[in-house]
N, C-alpha and C. Protein backbone atom coordinates (compact mmCIF):
# COMPACT_ATOMS: atom_id res chain seq x y z
N MET A 1 68.61 139.58 135.91
CA MET A 1 69.11 140.72 136.69
C MET A 1 67.92 141.55 137.17
N VAL A 2 67.95 141.99 138.45
CA VAL A 2 66.88 142.80 139.03
C VAL A 2 66.92 144.19 138.42
N SER A 3 65.76 144.71 137.94
CA SER A 3 65.69 146.01 137.29
C SER A 3 65.87 147.12 138.31
N LEU A 4 66.71 148.10 137.97
CA LEU A 4 66.91 149.25 138.85
C LEU A 4 65.63 150.05 139.01
N ALA A 5 64.84 150.14 137.95
CA ALA A 5 63.56 150.89 138.02
C ALA A 5 62.61 150.24 139.00
N LEU A 6 62.57 148.92 138.98
CA LEU A 6 61.68 148.22 139.90
C LEU A 6 62.11 148.43 141.33
N VAL A 7 63.39 148.38 141.56
CA VAL A 7 63.89 148.59 142.92
C VAL A 7 63.58 150.02 143.38
N THR A 8 63.77 150.98 142.48
CA THR A 8 63.51 152.39 142.83
C THR A 8 62.04 152.61 143.11
N ALA A 9 61.18 152.06 142.28
CA ALA A 9 59.73 152.20 142.48
C ALA A 9 59.31 151.62 143.82
N ALA A 10 59.88 150.49 144.15
CA ALA A 10 59.56 149.87 145.42
C ALA A 10 60.01 150.76 146.57
N ALA A 11 61.14 151.39 146.41
CA ALA A 11 61.64 152.27 147.47
C ALA A 11 60.77 153.49 147.64
N LEU A 12 60.31 154.09 146.53
CA LEU A 12 59.43 155.24 146.60
C LEU A 12 58.12 154.90 147.28
N ALA A 13 57.61 153.74 146.99
CA ALA A 13 56.35 153.32 147.59
C ALA A 13 56.49 153.17 149.09
N VAL A 14 57.64 152.79 149.55
CA VAL A 14 57.84 152.53 150.99
C VAL A 14 58.25 153.79 151.72
N PHE A 15 59.20 154.53 151.12
CA PHE A 15 59.81 155.65 151.86
C PHE A 15 59.29 157.02 151.45
N GLY A 16 58.61 157.13 150.39
CA GLY A 16 58.07 158.41 149.94
C GLY A 16 59.18 159.40 149.67
N ASP A 17 59.09 160.59 150.34
CA ASP A 17 60.06 161.67 150.09
C ASP A 17 61.40 161.40 150.75
N GLU A 18 61.38 160.56 151.78
CA GLU A 18 62.64 160.28 152.47
C GLU A 18 63.40 159.20 151.71
N LEU A 19 63.93 159.57 150.54
CA LEU A 19 64.43 158.57 149.59
C LEU A 19 65.94 158.46 149.56
N THR A 20 66.65 159.48 150.04
CA THR A 20 68.11 159.47 149.85
C THR A 20 68.80 158.29 150.51
N PRO A 21 68.54 158.03 151.78
CA PRO A 21 69.21 156.85 152.37
C PRO A 21 68.83 155.53 151.68
N PRO A 22 67.53 155.34 151.38
CA PRO A 22 67.20 154.10 150.68
C PRO A 22 67.85 153.99 149.32
N LEU A 23 67.96 155.13 148.62
CA LEU A 23 68.60 155.07 147.28
C LEU A 23 70.05 154.63 147.39
N THR A 24 70.68 155.11 148.43
CA THR A 24 72.07 154.67 148.64
C THR A 24 72.13 153.17 148.83
N LEU A 25 71.19 152.67 149.64
CA LEU A 25 71.11 151.23 149.87
C LEU A 25 70.78 150.48 148.59
N ILE A 26 69.83 151.08 147.83
CA ILE A 26 69.43 150.45 146.56
C ILE A 26 70.62 150.37 145.62
N GLY A 27 71.35 151.47 145.52
CA GLY A 27 72.53 151.49 144.65
C GLY A 27 73.52 150.40 145.02
N ALA A 28 73.73 150.27 146.33
CA ALA A 28 74.66 149.23 146.79
C ALA A 28 74.15 147.84 146.44
N LEU A 29 72.82 147.67 146.60
CA LEU A 29 72.25 146.36 146.27
C LEU A 29 72.37 146.06 144.78
N VAL A 30 72.08 147.09 143.97
CA VAL A 30 72.16 146.89 142.51
C VAL A 30 73.59 146.55 142.10
N VAL A 31 74.54 147.29 142.65
CA VAL A 31 75.95 147.00 142.34
C VAL A 31 76.31 145.58 142.74
N ALA A 32 75.83 145.19 143.92
CA ALA A 32 76.11 143.83 144.38
C ALA A 32 75.51 142.80 143.45
N ILE A 33 74.22 143.11 143.02
CA ILE A 33 73.54 142.15 142.12
C ILE A 33 74.28 142.06 140.79
N ILE A 34 74.64 143.23 140.25
CA ILE A 34 75.36 143.24 138.96
C ILE A 34 76.69 142.50 139.09
N THR A 35 77.40 142.79 140.18
CA THR A 35 78.69 142.13 140.39
C THR A 35 78.52 140.62 140.49
N ALA A 36 77.50 140.19 141.21
CA ALA A 36 77.26 138.75 141.37
C ALA A 36 76.92 138.09 140.04
N GLU A 37 76.05 138.80 139.28
CA GLU A 37 75.66 138.20 138.00
C GLU A 37 76.84 138.18 137.04
N ALA A 38 77.67 139.23 137.08
CA ALA A 38 78.86 139.24 136.23
C ALA A 38 79.80 138.10 136.63
N ALA A 39 79.89 137.90 137.93
CA ALA A 39 80.73 136.80 138.40
C ALA A 39 80.18 135.46 137.94
N ASP A 40 78.84 135.35 137.99
CA ASP A 40 78.21 134.12 137.50
C ASP A 40 78.51 133.88 136.02
N VAL A 41 78.45 134.98 135.25
CA VAL A 41 78.74 134.86 133.81
C VAL A 41 80.18 134.41 133.59
N ARG A 42 81.09 135.10 134.33
CA ARG A 42 82.50 134.72 134.20
C ARG A 42 82.73 133.28 134.63
N GLN A 43 82.09 132.90 135.73
CA GLN A 43 82.24 131.53 136.21
C GLN A 43 81.70 130.53 135.19
N GLY A 44 80.55 130.87 134.57
CA GLY A 44 79.97 129.99 133.56
C GLY A 44 80.89 129.85 132.36
N ARG A 45 81.47 131.00 131.94
CA ARG A 45 82.41 130.94 130.83
C ARG A 45 83.65 130.12 131.17
N GLN A 46 84.12 130.30 132.41
CA GLN A 46 85.30 129.54 132.83
C GLN A 46 85.01 128.05 132.88
N ILE A 47 83.82 127.72 133.39
CA ILE A 47 83.43 126.30 133.45
C ILE A 47 83.35 125.71 132.04
N ALA A 48 82.74 126.50 131.13
CA ALA A 48 82.62 126.03 129.74
C ALA A 48 84.00 125.87 129.11
N ALA A 49 84.89 126.86 129.38
CA ALA A 49 86.25 126.78 128.82
C ALA A 49 86.99 125.58 129.38
N ASP A 50 86.85 125.36 130.70
CA ASP A 50 87.51 124.20 131.32
C ASP A 50 86.97 122.89 130.75
N ALA A 51 85.65 122.84 130.56
CA ALA A 51 85.05 121.63 130.00
C ALA A 51 85.53 121.38 128.58
N ASP A 52 85.63 122.47 127.79
CA ASP A 52 86.11 122.34 126.42
C ASP A 52 87.57 121.88 126.40
N ARG A 53 88.38 122.49 127.28
CA ARG A 53 89.80 122.10 127.35
C ARG A 53 89.93 120.63 127.76
N GLN A 54 89.14 120.22 128.76
CA GLN A 54 89.19 118.84 129.21
C GLN A 54 88.75 117.89 128.10
N ALA A 55 87.72 118.30 127.34
CA ALA A 55 87.25 117.45 126.23
C ALA A 55 88.35 117.30 125.18
N ARG A 56 89.05 118.42 124.88
CA ARG A 56 90.14 118.35 123.90
C ARG A 56 91.27 117.47 124.40
N GLU A 57 91.59 117.59 125.69
CA GLU A 57 92.65 116.76 126.26
C GLU A 57 92.27 115.29 126.22
N LEU A 58 91.01 114.99 126.55
CA LEU A 58 90.55 113.60 126.51
C LEU A 58 90.59 113.05 125.09
N GLU A 59 90.18 113.86 124.13
CA GLU A 59 90.21 113.42 122.73
C GLU A 59 91.64 113.20 122.27
N ALA A 60 92.54 114.11 122.66
CA ALA A 60 93.95 113.93 122.29
C ALA A 60 94.52 112.66 122.92
N GLU A 61 94.15 112.41 124.17
CA GLU A 61 94.62 111.19 124.84
C GLU A 61 94.05 109.95 124.17
N ARG A 62 92.78 110.03 123.77
CA ARG A 62 92.16 108.90 123.07
C ARG A 62 92.87 108.62 121.76
N LEU A 63 93.20 109.69 121.02
CA LEU A 63 93.91 109.52 119.76
C LEU A 63 95.30 108.94 119.97
N ARG A 64 95.99 109.41 121.02
CA ARG A 64 97.31 108.86 121.33
C ARG A 64 97.21 107.38 121.69
N HIS A 65 96.19 107.05 122.49
CA HIS A 65 96.01 105.66 122.89
C HIS A 65 95.69 104.78 121.68
N THR A 66 94.83 105.29 120.80
CA THR A 66 94.48 104.54 119.59
C THR A 66 95.71 104.34 118.71
N ALA A 67 96.51 105.40 118.56
CA ALA A 67 97.72 105.30 117.75
C ALA A 67 98.70 104.29 118.34
N THR A 68 98.81 104.29 119.67
CA THR A 68 99.71 103.33 120.33
C THR A 68 99.23 101.91 120.11
N LEU A 69 97.92 101.69 120.25
CA LEU A 69 97.37 100.35 120.02
C LEU A 69 97.60 99.90 118.57
N GLU A 70 97.39 100.81 117.64
CA GLU A 70 97.60 100.47 116.23
C GLU A 70 99.06 100.15 115.95
N GLN A 71 99.95 100.94 116.54
CA GLN A 71 101.38 100.68 116.35
C GLN A 71 101.77 99.34 116.96
N ASN A 72 101.26 99.05 118.16
CA ASN A 72 101.57 97.77 118.79
C ASN A 72 101.01 96.60 117.98
N ARG A 73 99.80 96.81 117.42
CA ARG A 73 99.22 95.76 116.59
C ARG A 73 100.03 95.54 115.32
N GLU A 74 100.50 96.63 114.71
CA GLU A 74 101.32 96.51 113.51
C GLU A 74 102.64 95.80 113.82
N LEU A 75 103.24 96.14 114.96
CA LEU A 75 104.49 95.49 115.35
C LEU A 75 104.27 94.00 115.61
N ALA A 76 103.14 93.67 116.25
CA ALA A 76 102.83 92.26 116.52
C ALA A 76 102.59 91.51 115.20
N ASP A 77 101.87 92.17 114.28
CA ASP A 77 101.62 91.54 112.98
C ASP A 77 102.93 91.31 112.23
N LEU A 78 103.81 92.31 112.27
CA LEU A 78 105.09 92.17 111.59
C LEU A 78 105.92 91.06 112.21
N ALA A 79 105.92 90.99 113.54
CA ALA A 79 106.68 89.93 114.22
C ALA A 79 106.13 88.55 113.85
N ASP A 80 104.79 88.43 113.78
CA ASP A 80 104.19 87.16 113.41
C ASP A 80 104.53 86.81 111.96
N LEU A 81 104.48 87.81 111.07
CA LEU A 81 104.82 87.56 109.67
C LEU A 81 106.28 87.13 109.53
N ARG A 82 107.15 87.81 110.25
CA ARG A 82 108.58 87.44 110.19
C ARG A 82 108.79 86.02 110.69
N SER A 83 108.03 85.62 111.70
CA SER A 83 108.15 84.26 112.21
C SER A 83 107.76 83.24 111.13
N ILE A 84 106.67 83.53 110.41
CA ILE A 84 106.24 82.62 109.34
C ILE A 84 107.27 82.60 108.21
N LEU A 85 107.79 83.78 107.87
CA LEU A 85 108.81 83.84 106.82
C LEU A 85 110.06 83.07 107.22
N ASP A 86 110.44 83.17 108.48
CA ASP A 86 111.59 82.39 108.97
C ASP A 86 111.33 80.89 108.84
N ASP A 87 110.12 80.47 109.23
CA ASP A 87 109.78 79.06 109.12
C ASP A 87 109.84 78.60 107.66
N ALA A 88 109.34 79.45 106.76
CA ALA A 88 109.36 79.10 105.34
C ALA A 88 110.79 79.00 104.82
N ALA A 89 111.63 79.96 105.22
CA ALA A 89 113.02 79.94 104.75
C ALA A 89 113.74 78.69 105.24
N ILE A 90 113.50 78.31 106.49
CA ILE A 90 114.13 77.10 107.03
C ILE A 90 113.63 75.86 106.29
N ALA A 91 112.32 75.79 106.06
CA ALA A 91 111.75 74.65 105.35
C ALA A 91 112.29 74.56 103.93
N LEU A 92 112.43 75.70 103.26
CA LEU A 92 112.97 75.69 101.90
C LEU A 92 114.42 75.22 101.88
N HIS A 93 115.19 75.63 102.87
CA HIS A 93 116.59 75.17 102.95
C HIS A 93 116.65 73.66 103.17
N LYS A 94 115.84 73.18 104.08
CA LYS A 94 115.83 71.73 104.33
C LYS A 94 115.30 70.98 103.11
N GLY A 95 114.35 71.59 102.39
CA GLY A 95 113.82 70.95 101.19
C GLY A 95 114.88 70.78 100.13
N ASP A 96 115.74 71.79 99.98
CA ASP A 96 116.84 71.68 99.01
C ASP A 96 117.77 70.54 99.39
N ASP A 97 118.08 70.43 100.68
CA ASP A 97 118.92 69.32 101.14
C ASP A 97 118.25 67.97 100.86
N ALA A 98 116.93 67.91 101.06
CA ALA A 98 116.22 66.65 100.84
C ALA A 98 116.22 66.26 99.37
N ILE A 99 116.06 67.24 98.49
CA ILE A 99 116.13 66.94 97.05
C ILE A 99 117.53 66.45 96.70
N GLY A 100 118.54 67.10 97.29
CA GLY A 100 119.91 66.63 97.07
C GLY A 100 120.10 65.21 97.55
N GLY A 101 119.47 64.87 98.68
CA GLY A 101 119.58 63.50 99.18
C GLY A 101 118.94 62.49 98.24
N VAL A 102 117.81 62.87 97.63
CA VAL A 102 117.16 61.98 96.66
C VAL A 102 118.06 61.81 95.44
N LYS A 103 118.67 62.87 94.97
CA LYS A 103 119.56 62.79 93.82
C LYS A 103 120.72 61.84 94.08
N VAL A 104 121.34 62.01 95.25
CA VAL A 104 122.47 61.14 95.61
C VAL A 104 122.02 59.68 95.70
N ALA A 105 120.90 59.45 96.36
CA ALA A 105 120.41 58.08 96.53
C ALA A 105 120.08 57.44 95.19
N TYR A 106 119.45 58.18 94.30
CA TYR A 106 119.10 57.62 93.00
C TYR A 106 120.35 57.38 92.16
N THR A 107 121.32 58.29 92.26
CA THR A 107 122.57 58.12 91.52
C THR A 107 123.30 56.87 91.99
N GLN A 108 123.31 56.64 93.28
CA GLN A 108 124.04 55.49 93.83
C GLN A 108 123.32 54.17 93.63
N PHE A 109 122.01 54.17 93.80
CA PHE A 109 121.30 52.89 93.87
C PHE A 109 120.29 52.66 92.74
N GLY A 110 119.97 53.70 92.00
CA GLY A 110 119.06 53.52 90.88
C GLY A 110 117.73 52.92 91.31
N ARG A 111 117.32 51.85 90.63
CA ARG A 111 116.02 51.22 90.92
C ARG A 111 115.96 50.63 92.32
N ALA A 112 117.14 50.36 92.89
CA ALA A 112 117.19 49.79 94.25
C ALA A 112 117.17 50.86 95.34
N MET A 113 116.94 52.08 94.94
CA MET A 113 116.99 53.20 95.90
C MET A 113 116.06 53.00 97.09
N HIS A 114 114.85 52.53 96.84
CA HIS A 114 113.88 52.41 97.93
C HIS A 114 114.26 51.34 98.94
N GLU A 115 115.00 50.32 98.48
CA GLU A 115 115.46 49.30 99.42
C GLU A 115 116.75 49.73 100.13
N ARG A 116 117.63 50.37 99.38
CA ARG A 116 118.94 50.70 99.94
C ARG A 116 118.94 52.03 100.71
N GLU A 117 118.12 52.99 100.29
CA GLU A 117 118.08 54.32 100.94
C GLU A 117 116.65 54.84 101.00
N PRO A 118 115.78 54.15 101.73
CA PRO A 118 114.36 54.53 101.75
C PRO A 118 114.09 55.89 102.41
N GLU A 119 115.00 56.31 103.30
CA GLU A 119 114.77 57.56 104.02
C GLU A 119 114.84 58.79 103.11
N ALA A 120 115.54 58.66 102.00
CA ALA A 120 115.74 59.83 101.14
C ALA A 120 114.40 60.38 100.65
N ARG A 121 113.57 59.53 100.09
CA ARG A 121 112.29 60.01 99.58
C ARG A 121 111.33 60.34 100.71
N ARG A 122 111.37 59.57 101.80
CA ARG A 122 110.50 59.87 102.93
C ARG A 122 110.80 61.24 103.51
N MET A 123 112.09 61.58 103.58
CA MET A 123 112.47 62.90 104.10
C MET A 123 111.98 64.00 103.17
N LEU A 124 112.10 63.78 101.86
CA LEU A 124 111.63 64.78 100.91
C LEU A 124 110.12 64.97 101.03
N ASN A 125 109.38 63.87 101.17
CA ASN A 125 107.94 63.97 101.30
C ASN A 125 107.54 64.71 102.58
N ALA A 126 108.28 64.44 103.66
CA ALA A 126 108.00 65.13 104.92
C ALA A 126 108.24 66.63 104.78
N LEU A 127 109.33 67.00 104.11
CA LEU A 127 109.62 68.42 103.91
C LEU A 127 108.58 69.06 102.98
N GLY A 128 108.09 68.28 102.02
CA GLY A 128 107.03 68.79 101.15
C GLY A 128 105.77 69.11 101.95
N GLN A 129 105.42 68.25 102.89
CA GLN A 129 104.26 68.51 103.74
C GLN A 129 104.49 69.73 104.63
N GLU A 130 105.70 69.87 105.14
CA GLU A 130 106.03 71.03 105.96
C GLU A 130 105.90 72.32 105.14
N LEU A 131 106.37 72.26 103.90
CA LEU A 131 106.24 73.43 103.03
C LEU A 131 104.77 73.76 102.75
N ASP A 132 103.96 72.73 102.56
CA ASP A 132 102.53 72.96 102.32
C ASP A 132 101.89 73.72 103.48
N VAL A 133 102.26 73.35 104.69
CA VAL A 133 101.70 74.01 105.88
C VAL A 133 102.14 75.47 105.92
N VAL A 134 103.43 75.71 105.67
CA VAL A 134 103.94 77.08 105.70
C VAL A 134 103.30 77.92 104.61
N VAL A 135 103.14 77.34 103.43
CA VAL A 135 102.51 78.08 102.33
C VAL A 135 101.07 78.45 102.71
N ALA A 136 100.36 77.54 103.35
CA ALA A 136 99.00 77.83 103.77
C ALA A 136 98.97 78.98 104.78
N ARG A 137 99.90 78.98 105.72
CA ARG A 137 99.97 80.07 106.70
C ARG A 137 100.27 81.40 106.02
N LEU A 138 101.19 81.37 105.05
CA LEU A 138 101.51 82.59 104.33
C LEU A 138 100.32 83.09 103.53
N ALA A 139 99.60 82.16 102.90
CA ALA A 139 98.45 82.55 102.09
C ALA A 139 97.37 83.22 102.95
N VAL A 140 97.20 82.73 104.17
CA VAL A 140 96.23 83.35 105.07
C VAL A 140 96.67 84.77 105.41
N ARG A 141 97.96 84.95 105.62
CA ARG A 141 98.49 86.25 106.00
C ARG A 141 98.51 87.24 104.84
N LEU A 142 98.95 86.76 103.67
CA LEU A 142 99.27 87.67 102.57
C LEU A 142 98.34 87.54 101.37
N GLY A 143 97.57 86.46 101.32
CA GLY A 143 96.73 86.23 100.15
C GLY A 143 97.44 85.31 99.17
N PRO A 144 96.69 84.48 98.47
CA PRO A 144 97.30 83.49 97.58
C PRO A 144 98.04 84.09 96.39
N ALA A 145 97.73 85.34 96.04
CA ALA A 145 98.36 85.95 94.86
C ALA A 145 99.67 86.66 95.19
N ASP A 146 100.05 86.71 96.46
CA ASP A 146 101.29 87.38 96.84
C ASP A 146 102.50 86.69 96.20
N ASP A 147 103.49 87.47 95.80
CA ASP A 147 104.67 86.92 95.12
C ASP A 147 105.40 85.90 95.99
N GLY A 148 105.53 86.21 97.27
CA GLY A 148 106.22 85.28 98.17
C GLY A 148 105.46 83.98 98.31
N VAL A 149 104.15 84.06 98.42
CA VAL A 149 103.32 82.86 98.54
C VAL A 149 103.42 82.02 97.28
N ARG A 150 103.34 82.66 96.13
CA ARG A 150 103.43 81.93 94.86
C ARG A 150 104.79 81.28 94.69
N ALA A 151 105.85 81.97 95.11
CA ALA A 151 107.19 81.39 94.99
C ALA A 151 107.34 80.17 95.90
N ALA A 152 106.86 80.30 97.13
CA ALA A 152 106.96 79.16 98.07
C ALA A 152 106.13 77.98 97.57
N ARG A 153 104.94 78.28 97.03
CA ARG A 153 104.11 77.19 96.50
C ARG A 153 104.80 76.54 95.29
N GLY A 154 105.42 77.36 94.47
CA GLY A 154 106.15 76.81 93.33
C GLY A 154 107.28 75.88 93.77
N ALA A 155 108.00 76.28 94.81
CA ALA A 155 109.07 75.42 95.33
C ALA A 155 108.51 74.10 95.83
N ALA A 156 107.39 74.17 96.54
CA ALA A 156 106.76 72.94 97.04
C ALA A 156 106.34 72.03 95.88
N ASP A 157 105.84 72.62 94.80
CA ASP A 157 105.43 71.83 93.63
C ASP A 157 106.64 71.15 92.98
N HIS A 158 107.76 71.86 92.90
CA HIS A 158 108.97 71.27 92.31
C HIS A 158 109.51 70.13 93.18
N ALA A 159 109.42 70.30 94.50
CA ALA A 159 109.83 69.22 95.40
C ALA A 159 108.95 67.99 95.19
N LEU A 160 107.65 68.21 95.03
CA LEU A 160 106.73 67.11 94.78
C LEU A 160 107.05 66.41 93.46
N ASP A 161 107.43 67.18 92.45
CA ASP A 161 107.76 66.58 91.16
C ASP A 161 108.98 65.68 91.26
N VAL A 162 109.97 66.12 92.03
CA VAL A 162 111.16 65.28 92.23
C VAL A 162 110.77 64.00 92.95
N SER A 163 109.91 64.10 93.96
CA SER A 163 109.46 62.91 94.68
C SER A 163 108.74 61.95 93.74
N ARG A 164 107.91 62.50 92.89
CA ARG A 164 107.18 61.64 91.95
C ARG A 164 108.11 60.98 90.94
N ALA A 165 109.18 61.67 90.60
CA ALA A 165 110.13 61.12 89.62
C ALA A 165 110.73 59.80 90.10
N VAL A 166 110.87 59.67 91.43
CA VAL A 166 111.46 58.43 91.96
C VAL A 166 110.41 57.64 92.74
N GLY A 167 109.14 57.88 92.41
CA GLY A 167 108.08 57.24 93.19
C GLY A 167 107.93 55.76 92.93
N TRP A 168 108.14 55.33 91.69
CA TRP A 168 107.97 53.91 91.36
C TRP A 168 109.09 53.51 90.42
N LEU A 169 110.09 52.85 90.95
CA LEU A 169 111.31 52.57 90.19
C LEU A 169 111.44 51.12 89.75
N GLU A 170 110.63 50.23 90.30
CA GLU A 170 110.84 48.81 90.07
C GLU A 170 110.71 48.43 88.60
N ASP A 171 109.85 49.15 87.86
CA ASP A 171 109.62 48.78 86.46
C ASP A 171 110.42 49.64 85.49
N ASP A 172 111.33 50.45 86.01
CA ASP A 172 112.11 51.31 85.11
C ASP A 172 113.01 50.48 84.21
N ARG A 173 113.07 50.91 82.96
CA ARG A 173 114.03 50.31 82.03
C ARG A 173 115.33 51.11 82.12
N PRO A 174 116.45 50.48 81.84
CA PRO A 174 117.75 51.17 81.97
C PRO A 174 117.80 52.48 81.20
N GLN A 175 117.16 52.56 80.03
CA GLN A 175 117.23 53.77 79.23
C GLN A 175 116.45 54.93 79.85
N GLU A 176 115.62 54.65 80.83
CA GLU A 176 114.86 55.71 81.48
C GLU A 176 115.64 56.38 82.61
N THR A 177 116.72 55.77 82.99
CA THR A 177 117.50 56.31 84.11
C THR A 177 117.98 57.73 83.83
N GLN A 178 118.52 57.96 82.63
CA GLN A 178 119.04 59.29 82.31
C GLN A 178 117.93 60.34 82.34
N LYS A 179 116.76 59.98 81.84
CA LYS A 179 115.64 60.93 81.86
C LYS A 179 115.26 61.30 83.29
N LYS A 180 115.32 60.33 84.18
CA LYS A 180 114.96 60.63 85.57
C LYS A 180 116.03 61.50 86.23
N HIS A 181 117.29 61.23 85.88
CA HIS A 181 118.34 62.12 86.40
C HIS A 181 118.11 63.55 85.93
N GLU A 182 117.75 63.70 84.68
CA GLU A 182 117.49 65.03 84.13
C GLU A 182 116.28 65.67 84.81
N ARG A 183 115.26 64.87 85.07
CA ARG A 183 114.08 65.40 85.74
C ARG A 183 114.40 65.85 87.16
N ILE A 184 115.20 65.07 87.84
CA ILE A 184 115.59 65.45 89.21
C ILE A 184 116.42 66.73 89.18
N ASP A 185 117.40 66.80 88.26
CA ASP A 185 118.24 68.00 88.17
C ASP A 185 117.41 69.23 87.82
N ARG A 186 116.49 69.06 86.89
CA ARG A 186 115.65 70.19 86.50
C ARG A 186 114.75 70.63 87.65
N GLY A 187 114.19 69.64 88.33
CA GLY A 187 113.34 69.96 89.48
C GLY A 187 114.10 70.69 90.57
N ARG A 188 115.33 70.27 90.81
CA ARG A 188 116.12 70.92 91.86
C ARG A 188 116.48 72.35 91.46
N GLU A 189 116.83 72.55 90.18
CA GLU A 189 117.17 73.89 89.73
C GLU A 189 115.96 74.83 89.81
N GLU A 190 114.81 74.34 89.38
CA GLU A 190 113.60 75.16 89.45
C GLU A 190 113.19 75.41 90.91
N TYR A 191 113.44 74.43 91.76
CA TYR A 191 113.18 74.60 93.19
C TYR A 191 114.04 75.74 93.74
N LYS A 192 115.32 75.74 93.40
CA LYS A 192 116.22 76.78 93.89
C LYS A 192 115.81 78.16 93.38
N GLN A 193 115.39 78.23 92.13
CA GLN A 193 114.94 79.51 91.59
C GLN A 193 113.71 80.02 92.33
N ALA A 194 112.78 79.12 92.59
CA ALA A 194 111.57 79.51 93.34
C ALA A 194 111.94 79.94 94.76
N ALA A 195 112.89 79.23 95.39
CA ALA A 195 113.32 79.59 96.74
C ALA A 195 113.97 80.97 96.75
N ASP A 196 114.76 81.28 95.72
CA ASP A 196 115.37 82.60 95.63
C ASP A 196 114.31 83.69 95.45
N ARG A 197 113.30 83.41 94.65
CA ARG A 197 112.23 84.39 94.48
C ARG A 197 111.50 84.63 95.80
N PHE A 198 111.32 83.56 96.53
CA PHE A 198 110.68 83.71 97.85
C PHE A 198 111.53 84.58 98.76
N MET A 199 112.84 84.34 98.79
CA MET A 199 113.70 85.10 99.68
C MET A 199 113.69 86.59 99.32
N ASN A 200 113.69 86.90 98.03
CA ASN A 200 113.62 88.30 97.62
C ASN A 200 112.30 88.94 98.06
N ALA A 201 111.22 88.19 97.90
CA ALA A 201 109.91 88.71 98.34
C ALA A 201 109.88 88.85 99.86
N ALA A 202 110.49 87.91 100.56
CA ALA A 202 110.49 87.95 102.04
C ALA A 202 111.23 89.17 102.54
N VAL A 203 112.33 89.53 101.87
CA VAL A 203 113.08 90.72 102.27
C VAL A 203 112.20 91.97 102.19
N GLU A 204 111.44 92.08 101.12
CA GLU A 204 110.54 93.22 100.97
C GLU A 204 109.44 93.21 102.03
N LEU A 205 108.91 92.05 102.29
CA LEU A 205 107.80 91.94 103.25
C LEU A 205 108.24 92.24 104.67
N ALA A 206 109.40 91.73 105.02
CA ALA A 206 109.86 91.86 106.41
C ALA A 206 110.61 93.16 106.66
N GLY A 207 110.95 93.88 105.61
CA GLY A 207 111.65 95.15 105.79
C GLY A 207 113.08 94.97 106.25
N THR A 208 113.70 93.88 105.84
CA THR A 208 115.09 93.62 106.22
C THR A 208 115.94 93.51 104.97
N ARG A 209 117.22 93.42 105.15
CA ARG A 209 118.15 93.30 104.03
C ARG A 209 118.89 91.99 104.12
N ARG A 210 119.07 91.38 102.98
CA ARG A 210 119.84 90.12 102.96
C ARG A 210 121.32 90.43 103.12
N SER A 211 121.97 89.61 103.91
CA SER A 211 123.41 89.83 104.13
C SER A 211 124.21 89.08 103.08
């Protein structure tokens, strides 16, 4: 800001005793200078306030955008998890049917099962491989220690045990037939229990309710 004393001194040096008109002019100039500088200060404050407001708005928008992305990612993750859980549930249901098919085939044909009904064990083995794939996908998603993963893996192991029970029948003695029936029945029951544990875990994971 221009000093009033400096302006006055300059006026005295130029005008001497004839100072009244110049002082009036000086006063007007000083007022104009003060007004301009005050306006500059106000303008600077307004610019700073606008910049601060804009920065806050941008930050709020960034946070909203980040929250939206996170929500969309969570929804996508949940949808992908539900898809895997659906695949596992379907595979477990088909696995139970396949174990039932092995039981029926062995009951009907005994040692001749592989000649008379070879598809029964092949179907069970195929479902066992399908379960292995689903269990691996679940383990990647949830970790191997997750209850649902452990239940699904347990079901796959029981299906494999049933398959092994009828894996080589040609050398079976008649007295071993009952033991194999018991092994198949036990394997199927343990399979069902593991499948039920998986379904209970899946309900918790997917946030849905069983009907």
